[in-house]
């Protein structure tokens, strides 16, 4: 299974990745559209973040309308804001420098 996030291929993680929002949200909407060739999930949050994920038999492709930082050690995807500062460590983990 190939996995893409914002156009970049990344490692498949059993159980998936957890989204960490740098700007908290209070409400969101979630819709799943099923077709014969796959499934499209659309998530819209009141903090302005939009996530679209297309799942087919051989790939998962996710688009997030923000810059992201991927923590491959803890299977987390940090959804960044303009003022977010993170540091990627040599082991693949992410350290948040401001919050």
PDB file of N, CA and C in Angstrom:
ATOM      1  N   UNK A   1       0.854  -1.178   0.000  1.00  0.00           N
ATOM      2  CA  UNK A   1       0.000   0.000   0.000  1.00  0.00           C
ATOM      3  C   UNK A   1       0.896   1.236   0.000  1.00  0.00           C
ATOM      4  N   UNK A   2       0.660   2.127  -0.932  1.00  0.00           N
ATOM      5  CA  UNK A   2       1.414   3.379  -0.991  1.00  0.00           C
ATOM      6  C   UNK A   2       0.614   4.459  -0.287  1.00  0.00           C
ATOM      7  N   UNK A   3       1.316   5.327   0.432  1.00  0.00           N
ATOM      8  CA  UNK A   3       0.679   6.378   1.217  1.00  0.00           C
ATOM      9  C   UNK A   3       1.308   7.715   0.832  1.00  0.00           C
ATOM     10  N   UNK A   4       0.466   8.698   0.552  1.00  0.00           N
ATOM     11  CA  UNK A   4       0.933  10.034   0.183  1.00  0.00           C
ATOM     12  C   UNK A   4       0.272  11.067   1.081  1.00  0.00           C
ATOM     13  N   UNK A   5       1.041  12.084   1.460  1.00  0.00           N
ATOM     14  CA  UNK A   5       0.531  13.215   2.224  1.00  0.00           C
ATOM     15  C   UNK A   5       1.011  14.485   1.559  1.00  0.00           C
ATOM     16  N   UNK A   6       0.076  15.306   1.125  1.00  0.00           N
ATOM     17  CA  UNK A   6       0.387  16.558   0.414  1.00  0.00           C
ATOM     18  C   UNK A   6       1.375  16.330  -0.727  1.00  0.00           C
ATOM     19  N   UNK A   7       1.192  15.213  -1.438  1.00  0.00           N
ATOM     20  CA  UNK A   7       1.999  14.928  -2.615  1.00  0.00           C
ATOM     21  C   UNK A   7       3.295  14.193  -2.360  1.00  0.00           C
ATOM     22  N   UNK A   8       3.681  13.991  -1.105  1.00  0.00           N
ATOM     23  CA  UNK A   8       4.924  13.296  -0.791  1.00  0.00           C
ATOM     24  C   UNK A   8       4.629  11.900  -0.274  1.00  0.00           C
ATOM     25  N   UNK A   9       5.368  10.919  -0.821  1.00  0.00           N
ATOM     26  CA  UNK A   9       5.167   9.550  -0.355  1.00  0.00           C
ATOM     27  C   UNK A   9       5.754   9.402   1.043  1.00  0.00           C
ATOM     28  N   UNK A  10       5.038   8.646   1.882  1.00  0.00           N
ATOM     29  CA  UNK A  10       5.500   8.417   3.248  1.00  0.00           C
ATOM     30  C   UNK A  10       5.287   6.955   3.606  1.00  0.00           C
ATOM     31  N   UNK A  11       5.823   6.547   4.750  1.00  0.00           N
ATOM     32  CA  UNK A  11       5.721   5.162   5.187  1.00  0.00           C
ATOM     33  C   UNK A  11       4.300   4.830   5.615  1.00  0.00           C
ATOM     34  N   UNK A  12       3.863   3.620   5.279  1.00  0.00           N
ATOM     35  CA  UNK A  12       2.581   3.119   5.747  1.00  0.00           C
ATOM     36  C   UNK A  12       2.725   2.754   7.217  1.00  0.00           C
ATOM     37  N   UNK A  13       1.797   3.208   8.046  1.00  0.00           N
ATOM     38  CA  UNK A  13       1.818   2.896   9.476  1.00  0.00           C
ATOM     39  C   UNK A  13       0.569   2.108   9.823  1.00  0.00           C
ATOM     40  N   UNK A  14       0.753   0.901  10.323  1.00  0.00           N
ATOM     41  CA  UNK A  14      -0.394   0.097  10.743  1.00  0.00           C
ATOM     42  C   UNK A  14      -1.128   0.855  11.842  1.00  0.00           C
ATOM     43  N   UNK A  15      -2.416   1.037  11.675  1.00  0.00           N
ATOM     44  CA  UNK A  15      -3.199   1.814  12.638  1.00  0.00           C
ATOM     45  C   UNK A  15      -3.273   3.289  12.292  1.00  0.00           C
ATOM     46  N   UNK A  16      -2.505   3.731  11.313  1.00  0.00           N
ATOM     47  CA  UNK A  16      -2.579   5.108  10.839  1.00  0.00           C
ATOM     48  C   UNK A  16      -1.779   6.099  11.683  1.00  0.00           C
ATOM     49  N   UNK A  17      -1.976   7.354  11.377  1.00  0.00           N
ATOM     50  CA  UNK A  17      -1.312   8.461  12.033  1.00  0.00           C
ATOM     51  C   UNK A  17      -2.325   9.278  12.818  1.00  0.00           C
ATOM     52  N   UNK A  18      -1.881   9.896  13.885  1.00  0.00           N
ATOM     53  CA  UNK A  18      -2.727  10.788  14.686  1.00  0.00           C
ATOM     54  C   UNK A  18      -2.457  12.225  14.259  1.00  0.00           C
ATOM     55  N   UNK A  19      -3.516  12.988  14.023  1.00  0.00           N
ATOM     56  CA  UNK A  19      -3.368  14.405  13.691  1.00  0.00           C
ATOM     57  C   UNK A  19      -3.222  15.205  14.973  1.00  0.00           C
ATOM     58  N   UNK A  20      -2.217  16.092  15.006  1.00  0.00           N
ATOM     59  CA  UNK A  20      -1.998  17.024  16.104  1.00  0.00           C
ATOM     60  C   UNK A  20      -2.180  18.432  15.531  1.00  0.00           C
ATOM     61  N   UNK A  21      -3.203  19.118  15.984  1.00  0.00           N
ATOM     62  CA  UNK A  21      -3.508  20.463  15.487  1.00  0.00           C
ATOM     63  C   UNK A  21      -2.769  21.500  16.331  1.00  0.00           C
ATOM     64  N   UNK A  22      -1.989  22.356  15.684  1.00  0.00           N
ATOM     65  CA  UNK A  22      -1.294  23.423  16.397  1.00  0.00           C
ATOM     66  C   UNK A  22      -2.287  24.519  16.812  1.00  0.00           C
ATOM     67  N   UNK A  23      -3.375  24.660  16.069  1.00  0.00           N
ATOM     68  CA  UNK A  23      -4.450  25.587  16.430  1.00  0.00           C
ATOM     69  C   UNK A  23      -5.671  24.724  16.755  1.00  0.00           C
ATOM     70  N   UNK A  24      -6.100  24.703  18.006  1.00  0.00           N
ATOM     71  CA  UNK A  24      -7.202  23.821  18.402  1.00  0.00           C
ATOM     72  C   UNK A  24      -8.506  24.131  17.645  1.00  0.00           C
ATOM     73  N   UNK A  25      -9.358  23.144  17.589  1.00  0.00           N
ATOM     74  CA  UNK A  25     -10.672  23.320  16.986  1.00  0.00           C
ATOM     75  C   UNK A  25     -11.734  22.902  17.996  1.00  0.00           C
ATOM     76  N   UNK A  26     -12.958  23.412  17.795  1.00  0.00           N
ATOM     77  CA  UNK A  26     -14.064  23.009  18.677  1.00  0.00           C
ATOM     78  C   UNK A  26     -15.119  22.231  17.906  1.00  0.00           C
ATOM     79  N   UNK A  27     -15.276  22.513  16.614  1.00  0.00           N
ATOM     80  CA  UNK A  27     -16.281  21.817  15.821  1.00  0.00           C
ATOM     81  C   UNK A  27     -15.674  21.353  14.508  1.00  0.00           C
ATOM     82  N   UNK A  28     -16.213  20.265  13.985  1.00  0.00           N
ATOM     83  CA  UNK A  28     -15.799  19.816  12.662  1.00  0.00           C
ATOM     84  C   UNK A  28     -16.928  19.040  12.001  1.00  0.00           C
ATOM     85  N   UNK A  29     -16.827  18.938  10.681  1.00  0.00           N
ATOM     86  CA  UNK A  29     -17.767  18.141   9.895  1.00  0.00           C
ATOM     87  C   UNK A  29     -16.986  17.064   9.180  1.00  0.00           C
ATOM     88  N   UNK A  30     -17.616  15.913   9.018  1.00  0.00           N
ATOM     89  CA  UNK A  30     -16.966  14.743   8.465  1.00  0.00           C
ATOM     90  C   UNK A  30     -17.938  14.095   7.481  1.00  0.00           C
ATOM     91  N   UNK A  31     -17.474  13.870   6.255  1.00  0.00           N
ATOM     92  CA  UNK A  31     -18.327  13.231   5.258  1.00  0.00           C
ATOM     93  C   UNK A  31     -17.523  12.190   4.497  1.00  0.00           C
ATOM     94  N   UNK A  32     -18.139  11.037   4.240  1.00  0.00           N
ATOM     95  CA  UNK A  32     -17.507   9.964   3.477  1.00  0.00           C
ATOM     96  C   UNK A  32     -18.333   9.729   2.219  1.00  0.00           C
ATOM     97  N   UNK A  33     -17.643   9.771   1.072  1.00  0.00           N
ATOM     98  CA  UNK A  33     -18.288   9.538  -0.217  1.00  0.00           C
ATOM     99  C   UNK A  33     -17.716   8.236  -0.770  1.00  0.00           C
ATOM    100  N   UNK A  34     -18.568   7.243  -0.948  1.00  0.00           N
ATOM    101  CA  UNK A  34     -18.119   5.937  -1.437  1.00  0.00           C
ATOM    102  C   UNK A  34     -18.423   5.799  -2.917  1.00  0.00           C
ATOM    103  N   UNK A  35     -17.430   5.323  -3.650  1.00  0.00           N
ATOM    104  CA  UNK A  35     -17.556   5.023  -5.072  1.00  0.00           C
ATOM    105  C   UNK A  35     -17.002   3.619  -5.299  1.00  0.00           C
ATOM    106  N   UNK A  36     -17.213   3.079  -6.483  1.00  0.00           N
ATOM    107  CA  UNK A  36     -16.743   1.721  -6.752  1.00  0.00           C
ATOM    108  C   UNK A  36     -15.222   1.615  -6.781  1.00  0.00           C
ATOM    109  N   UNK A  37     -14.516   2.703  -7.087  1.00  0.00           N
ATOM    110  CA  UNK A  37     -13.054   2.652  -7.162  1.00  0.00           C
ATOM    111  C   UNK A  37     -12.366   3.159  -5.898  1.00  0.00           C
ATOM    112  N   UNK A  38     -13.126   3.560  -4.877  1.00  0.00           N
ATOM    113  CA  UNK A  38     -12.502   4.028  -3.646  1.00  0.00           C
ATOM    114  C   UNK A  38     -13.464   4.814  -2.779  1.00  0.00           C
ATOM    115  N   UNK A  39     -12.878   5.448  -1.788  1.00  0.00           N
ATOM    116  CA  UNK A  39     -13.660   6.179  -0.790  1.00  0.00           C
ATOM    117  C   UNK A  39     -12.977   7.518  -0.514  1.00  0.00           C
ATOM    118  N   UNK A  40     -13.740   8.594  -0.575  1.00  0.00           N
ATOM    119  CA  UNK A  40     -13.225   9.934  -0.311  1.00  0.00           C
ATOM    120  C   UNK A  40     -13.790  10.413   1.020  1.00  0.00           C
ATOM    121  N   UNK A  41     -12.899  10.783   1.933  1.00  0.00           N
ATOM    122  CA  UNK A  41     -13.309  11.337   3.224  1.00  0.00           C
ATOM    123  C   UNK A  41     -12.931  12.805   3.249  1.00  0.00           C
ATOM    124  N   UNK A  42     -13.895  13.653   3.592  1.00  0.00           N
ATOM    125  CA  UNK A  42     -13.670  15.096   3.684  1.00  0.00           C
ATOM    126  C   UNK A  42     -13.911  15.506   5.130  1.00  0.00           C
ATOM    127  N   UNK A  43     -12.920  16.187   5.719  1.00  0.00           N
ATOM    128  CA  UNK A  43     -13.029  16.688   7.083  1.00  0.00           C
ATOM    129  C   UNK A  43     -12.778  18.191   7.055  1.00  0.00           C
ATOM    130  N   UNK A  44     -13.705  18.957   7.633  1.00  0.00           N
ATOM    131  CA  UNK A  44     -13.590  20.416   7.682  1.00  0.00           C
ATOM    132  C   UNK A  44     -13.696  20.837   9.144  1.00  0.00           C
ATOM    133  N   UNK A  45     -12.733  21.631   9.599  1.00  0.00           N
ATOM    134  CA  UNK A  45     -12.651  22.051  10.998  1.00  0.00           C
ATOM    135  C   UNK A  45     -12.878  23.553  11.111  1.00  0.00           C
ATOM    136  N   UNK A  46     -13.388  24.006  12.265  1.00  0.00           N
ATOM    137  CA  UNK A  46     -13.673  25.433  12.439  1.00  0.00           C
ATOM    138  C   UNK A  46     -12.415  26.278  12.631  1.00  0.00           C
ATOM    139  N   UNK A  47     -11.237  25.667  12.689  1.00  0.00           N
ATOM    140  CA  UNK A  47      -9.985  26.427  12.748  1.00  0.00           C
ATOM    141  C   UNK A  47      -9.413  26.664  11.349  1.00  0.00           C
ATOM    142  N   UNK A  48     -10.174  26.299  10.310  1.00  0.00           N
ATOM    143  CA  UNK A  48      -9.753  26.535   8.930  1.00  0.00           C
ATOM    144  C   UNK A  48      -9.082  25.356   8.257  1.00  0.00           C
ATOM    145  N   UNK A  49      -8.786  24.301   8.974  1.00  0.00           N
ATOM    146  CA  UNK A  49      -8.116  23.136   8.403  1.00  0.00           C
ATOM    147  C   UNK A  49      -9.121  22.299   7.614  1.00  0.00           C
ATOM    148  N   UNK A  50      -8.678  21.869   6.427  1.00  0.00           N
ATOM    149  CA  UNK A  50      -9.467  20.970   5.592  1.00  0.00           C
ATOM    150  C   UNK A  50      -8.599  19.773   5.241  1.00  0.00           C
ATOM    151  N   UNK A  51      -9.138  18.576   5.442  1.00  0.00           N
ATOM    152  CA  UNK A  51      -8.404  17.343   5.149  1.00  0.00           C
ATOM    153  C   UNK A  51      -9.252  16.515   4.198  1.00  0.00           C
ATOM    154  N   UNK A  52      -8.637  16.104   3.092  1.00  0.00           N
ATOM    155  CA  UNK A  52      -9.311  15.247   2.114  1.00  0.00           C
ATOM    156  C   UNK A  52      -8.468  13.993   1.930  1.00  0.00           C
ATOM    157  N   UNK A  53      -9.091  12.829   2.091  1.00  0.00           N
ATOM    158  CA  UNK A  53      -8.363  11.568   1.965  1.00  0.00           C
ATOM    159  C   UNK A  53      -9.080  10.657   0.987  1.00  0.00           C
ATOM    160  N   UNK A  54      -8.346  10.199  -0.030  1.00  0.00           N
ATOM    161  CA  UNK A  54      -8.857   9.253  -1.006  1.00  0.00           C
ATOM    162  C   UNK A  54      -8.184   7.910  -0.755  1.00  0.00           C
ATOM    163  N   UNK A  55      -8.996   6.878  -0.520  1.00  0.00           N
ATOM    164  CA  UNK A  55      -8.481   5.533  -0.272  1.00  0.00           C
ATOM    165  C   UNK A  55      -8.935   4.638  -1.418  1.00  0.00           C
ATOM    166  N   UNK A  56      -7.960   4.027  -2.109  1.00  0.00           N
ATOM    167  CA  UNK A  56      -8.255   3.050  -3.160  1.00  0.00           C
ATOM    168  C   UNK A  56      -7.635   1.721  -2.742  1.00  0.00           C
ATOM    169  N   UNK A  57      -7.733   0.728  -3.607  1.00  0.00           N
ATOM    170  CA  UNK A  57      -7.199  -0.594  -3.281  1.00  0.00           C
ATOM    171  C   UNK A  57      -5.692  -0.596  -3.051  1.00  0.00           C
ATOM    172  N   UNK A  58      -4.961   0.288  -3.736  1.00  0.00           N
ATOM    173  CA  UNK A  58      -3.508   0.240  -3.631  1.00  0.00           C
ATOM    174  C   UNK A  58      -2.843   1.523  -3.129  1.00  0.00           C
ATOM    175  N   UNK A  59      -3.627   2.550  -2.770  1.00  0.00           N
ATOM    176  CA  UNK A  59      -2.990   3.747  -2.212  1.00  0.00           C
ATOM    177  C   UNK A  59      -3.946   4.571  -1.356  1.00  0.00           C
ATOM    178  N   UNK A  60      -3.333   5.353  -0.480  1.00  0.00           N
ATOM    179  CA  UNK A  60      -4.037   6.331   0.350  1.00  0.00           C
ATOM    180  C   UNK A  60      -3.393   7.674   0.036  1.00  0.00           C
ATOM    181  N   UNK A  61      -4.206   8.660  -0.333  1.00  0.00           N
ATOM    182  CA  UNK A  61      -3.689   9.971  -0.688  1.00  0.00           C
ATOM    183  C   UNK A  61      -4.447  11.022   0.115  1.00  0.00           C
ATOM    184  N   UNK A  62      -3.714  11.757   0.958  1.00  0.00           N
ATOM    185  CA  UNK A  62      -4.317  12.771   1.818  1.00  0.00           C
ATOM    186  C   UNK A  62      -3.777  14.151   1.464  1.00  0.00           C
ATOM    187  N   UNK A  63      -4.678  15.106   1.383  1.00  0.00           N
ATOM    188  CA  UNK A  63      -4.309  16.509   1.180  1.00  0.00           C
ATOM    189  C   UNK A  63      -4.803  17.312   2.370  1.00  0.00           C
ATOM    190  N   UNK A  64      -3.890  18.078   2.962  1.00  0.00           N
ATOM    191  CA  UNK A  64      -4.211  18.970   4.078  1.00  0.00           C
ATOM    192  C   UNK A  64      -3.840  20.379   3.632  1.00  0.00           C
ATOM    193  N   UNK A  65      -4.702  21.344   3.875  1.00  0.00           N
ATOM    194  CA  UNK A  65      -4.466  22.704   3.399  1.00  0.00           C
ATOM    195  C   UNK A  65      -3.538  23.498   4.328  1.00  0.00           C
ATOM    196  N   UNK A  66      -2.597  22.837   4.933  1.00  0.00           N
ATOM    197  CA  UNK A  66      -1.583  23.453   5.794  1.00  0.00           C
ATOM    198  C   UNK A  66      -0.256  22.737   5.577  1.00  0.00           C
ATOM    199  N   UNK A  67       0.831  23.393   5.992  1.00  0.00           N
ATOM    200  CA  UNK A  67       2.109  22.694   6.072  1.00  0.00           C
ATOM    201  C   UNK A  67       2.013  21.676   7.190  1.00  0.00           C
ATOM    202  N   UNK A  68       2.744  20.584   7.056  1.00  0.00           N
ATOM    203  CA  UNK A  68       2.706  19.534   8.055  1.00  0.00           C
ATOM    204  C   UNK A  68       4.126  19.113   8.424  1.00  0.00           C
ATOM    205  N   UNK A  69       4.259  18.529   9.613  1.00  0.00           N
ATOM    206  CA  UNK A  69       5.503  17.903  10.052  1.00  0.00           C
ATOM    207  C   UNK A  69       5.134  16.485  10.480  1.00  0.00           C
ATOM    208  N   UNK A  70       5.898  15.505  10.001  1.00  0.00           N
ATOM    209  CA  UNK A  70       5.564  14.107  10.247  1.00  0.00           C
ATOM    210  C   UNK A  70       6.531  13.511  11.257  1.00  0.00           C
ATOM    211  N   UNK A  71       5.979  13.020  12.359  1.00  0.00           N
ATOM    212  CA  UNK A  71       6.744  12.332  13.399  1.00  0.00           C
ATOM    213  C   UNK A  71       6.638  10.840  13.102  1.00  0.00           C
ATOM    214  N   UNK A  72       7.692  10.264  12.503  1.00  0.00           N
ATOM    215  CA  UNK A  72       7.657   8.865  12.097  1.00  0.00           C
ATOM    216  C   UNK A  72       7.889   7.906  13.255  1.00  0.00           C
ATOM    217  N   UNK A  73       8.395   8.400  14.376  1.00  0.00           N
ATOM    218  CA  UNK A  73       8.615   7.557  15.552  1.00  0.00           C
ATOM    219  C   UNK A  73       7.297   7.294  16.271  1.00  0.00           C
ATOM    220  N   UNK A  74       6.505   8.355  16.458  1.00  0.00           N
ATOM    221  CA  UNK A  74       5.257   8.264  17.217  1.00  0.00           C
ATOM    222  C   UNK A  74       4.009   8.233  16.339  1.00  0.00           C
ATOM    223  N   UNK A  75       4.192   8.168  15.013  1.00  0.00           N
ATOM    224  CA  UNK A  75       3.084   8.134  14.045  1.00  0.00           C
ATOM    225  C   UNK A  75       2.105   9.284  14.256  1.00  0.00           C
ATOM    226  N   UNK A  76       2.651  10.504  14.272  1.00  0.00           N
ATOM    227  CA  UNK A  76       1.833  11.710  14.431  1.00  0.00           C
ATOM    228  C   UNK A  76       2.106  12.660  13.269  1.00  0.00           C
ATOM    229  N   UNK A  77       1.045  13.343  12.844  1.00  0.00           N
ATOM    230  CA  UNK A  77       1.163  14.375  11.820  1.00  0.00           C
ATOM    231  C   UNK A  77       0.776  15.697  12.465  1.00  0.00           C
ATOM    232  N   UNK A  78       1.745  16.601  12.560  1.00  0.00           N
ATOM    233  CA  UNK A  78       1.504  17.926  13.128  1.00  0.00           C
ATOM    234  C   UNK A  78       0.999  18.840  12.021  1.00  0.00           C
ATOM    235  N   UNK A  79      -0.191  19.410  12.222  1.00  0.00           N
ATOM    236  CA  UNK A  79      -0.777  20.338  11.263  1.00  0.00           C
ATOM    237  C   UNK A  79      -0.398  21.737  11.727  1.00  0.00           C
ATOM    238  N   UNK A  80       0.487  22.372  10.963  1.00  0.00           N
ATOM    239  CA  UNK A  80       1.135  23.611  11.388  1.00  0.00           C
ATOM    240  C   UNK A  80       0.326  24.847  10.989  1.00  0.00           C
ATOM    241  N   UNK A  81       0.563  25.918  11.722  1.00  0.00           N
ATOM    242  CA  UNK A  81       0.045  27.243  11.397  1.00  0.00           C
ATOM    243  C   UNK A  81       1.238  28.100  10.961  1.00  0.00           C
ATOM    244  N   UNK A  82       0.971  29.323  10.503  1.00  0.00           N
ATOM    245  CA  UNK A  82       2.044  30.181   9.988  1.00  0.00           C
ATOM    246  C   UNK A  82       3.159  30.409  10.996  1.00  0.00           C
ATOM    247  N   UNK A  83       2.814  30.553  12.284  1.00  0.00           N
ATOM    248  CA  UNK A  83       3.814  30.863  13.300  1.00  0.00           C
ATOM    249  C   UNK A  83       4.373  29.611  13.994  1.00  0.00           C
ATOM    250  N   UNK A  84       4.005  28.432  13.527  1.00  0.00           N
ATOM    251  CA  UNK A  84       4.465  27.195  14.159  1.00  0.00           C
ATOM    252  C   UNK A  84       5.950  26.960  13.882  1.00  0.00           C
ATOM    253  N   UNK A  85       6.630  26.530  14.921  1.00  0.00           N
ATOM    254  CA  UNK A  85       8.045  26.189  14.790  1.00  0.00           C
ATOM    255  C   UNK A  85       8.245  24.796  15.373  1.00  0.00           C
ATOM    256  N   UNK A  86       8.776  23.905  14.542  1.00  0.00           N
ATOM    257  CA  UNK A  86       9.055  22.546  14.976  1.00  0.00           C
ATOM    258  C   UNK A  86      10.464  22.170  14.542  1.00  0.00           C
ATOM    259  N   UNK A  87      10.998  21.202  15.233  1.00  0.00           N
ATOM    260  CA  UNK A  87      12.328  20.701  14.902  1.00  0.00           C
ATOM    261  C   UNK A  87      12.220  19.204  14.676  1.00  0.00           C
ATOM    262  N   UNK A  88      12.753  18.734  13.547  1.00  0.00           N
ATOM    263  CA  UNK A  88      12.768  17.303  13.266  1.00  0.00           C
ATOM    264  C   UNK A  88      14.071  16.738  13.811  1.00  0.00           C
ATOM    265  N   UNK A  89      13.951  15.763  14.694  1.00  0.00           N
ATOM    266  CA  UNK A  89      15.122  15.138  15.295  1.00  0.00           C
ATOM    267  C   UNK A  89      15.662  14.031  14.395  1.00  0.00           C
ATOM    268  N   UNK A  90      16.904  13.634  14.630  1.00  0.00           N
ATOM    269  CA  UNK A  90      17.560  12.633  13.786  1.00  0.00           C
ATOM    270  C   UNK A  90      16.837  11.292  13.792  1.00  0.00           C
ATOM    271  N   UNK A  91      16.156  10.968  14.874  1.00  0.00           N
ATOM    272  CA  UNK A  91      15.452   9.677  14.957  1.00  0.00           C
ATOM    273  C   UNK A  91      14.109   9.698  14.240  1.00  0.00           C
ATOM    274  N   UNK A  92      13.709  10.856  13.687  1.00  0.00           N
ATOM    275  CA  UNK A  92      12.440  10.962  12.975  1.00  0.00           C
ATOM    276  C   UNK A  92      11.320  11.564  13.792  1.00  0.00           C
ATOM    277  N   UNK A  93      11.569  11.841  15.069  1.00  0.00           N
ATOM    278  CA  UNK A  93      10.553  12.442  15.907  1.00  0.00           C
ATOM    279  C   UNK A  93      10.512  13.951  15.683  1.00  0.00           C
ATOM    280  N   UNK A  94       9.445  14.574  16.171  1.00  0.00           N
ATOM    281  CA  UNK A  94       9.248  16.015  16.028  1.00  0.00           C
ATOM    282  C   UNK A  94       9.197  16.646  17.411  1.00  0.00           C
ATOM    283  N   UNK A  95       9.850  17.797  17.544  1.00  0.00           N
ATOM    284  CA  UNK A  95       9.786  18.564  18.784  1.00  0.00           C
ATOM    285  C   UNK A  95       9.143  19.920  18.470  1.00  0.00           C
ATOM    286  N   UNK A  96       8.078  20.252  19.194  1.00  0.00           N
ATOM    287  CA  UNK A  96       7.391  21.534  19.001  1.00  0.00           C
ATOM    288  C   UNK A  96       8.160  22.585  19.781  1.00  0.00           C
ATOM    289  N   UNK A  97       8.588  23.664  19.088  1.00  0.00           N
ATOM    290  CA  UNK A  97       9.378  24.708  19.722  1.00  0.00           C
ATOM    291  C   UNK A  97       8.526  25.847  20.262  1.00  0.00           C
ATOM    292  N   UNK A  98       7.320  25.985  19.736  1.00  0.00           N
ATOM    293  CA  UNK A  98       6.368  26.981  20.266  1.00  0.00           C
ATOM    294  C   UNK A  98       4.989  26.369  20.236  1.00  0.00           C
ATOM    295  N   UNK A  99       4.127  26.804  21.138  1.00  0.00           N
ATOM    296  CA  UNK A  99       2.775  26.247  21.176  1.00  0.00           C
ATOM    297  C   UNK A  99       1.766  27.310  21.513  1.00  0.00           C
TER     298      UNK A  99
END
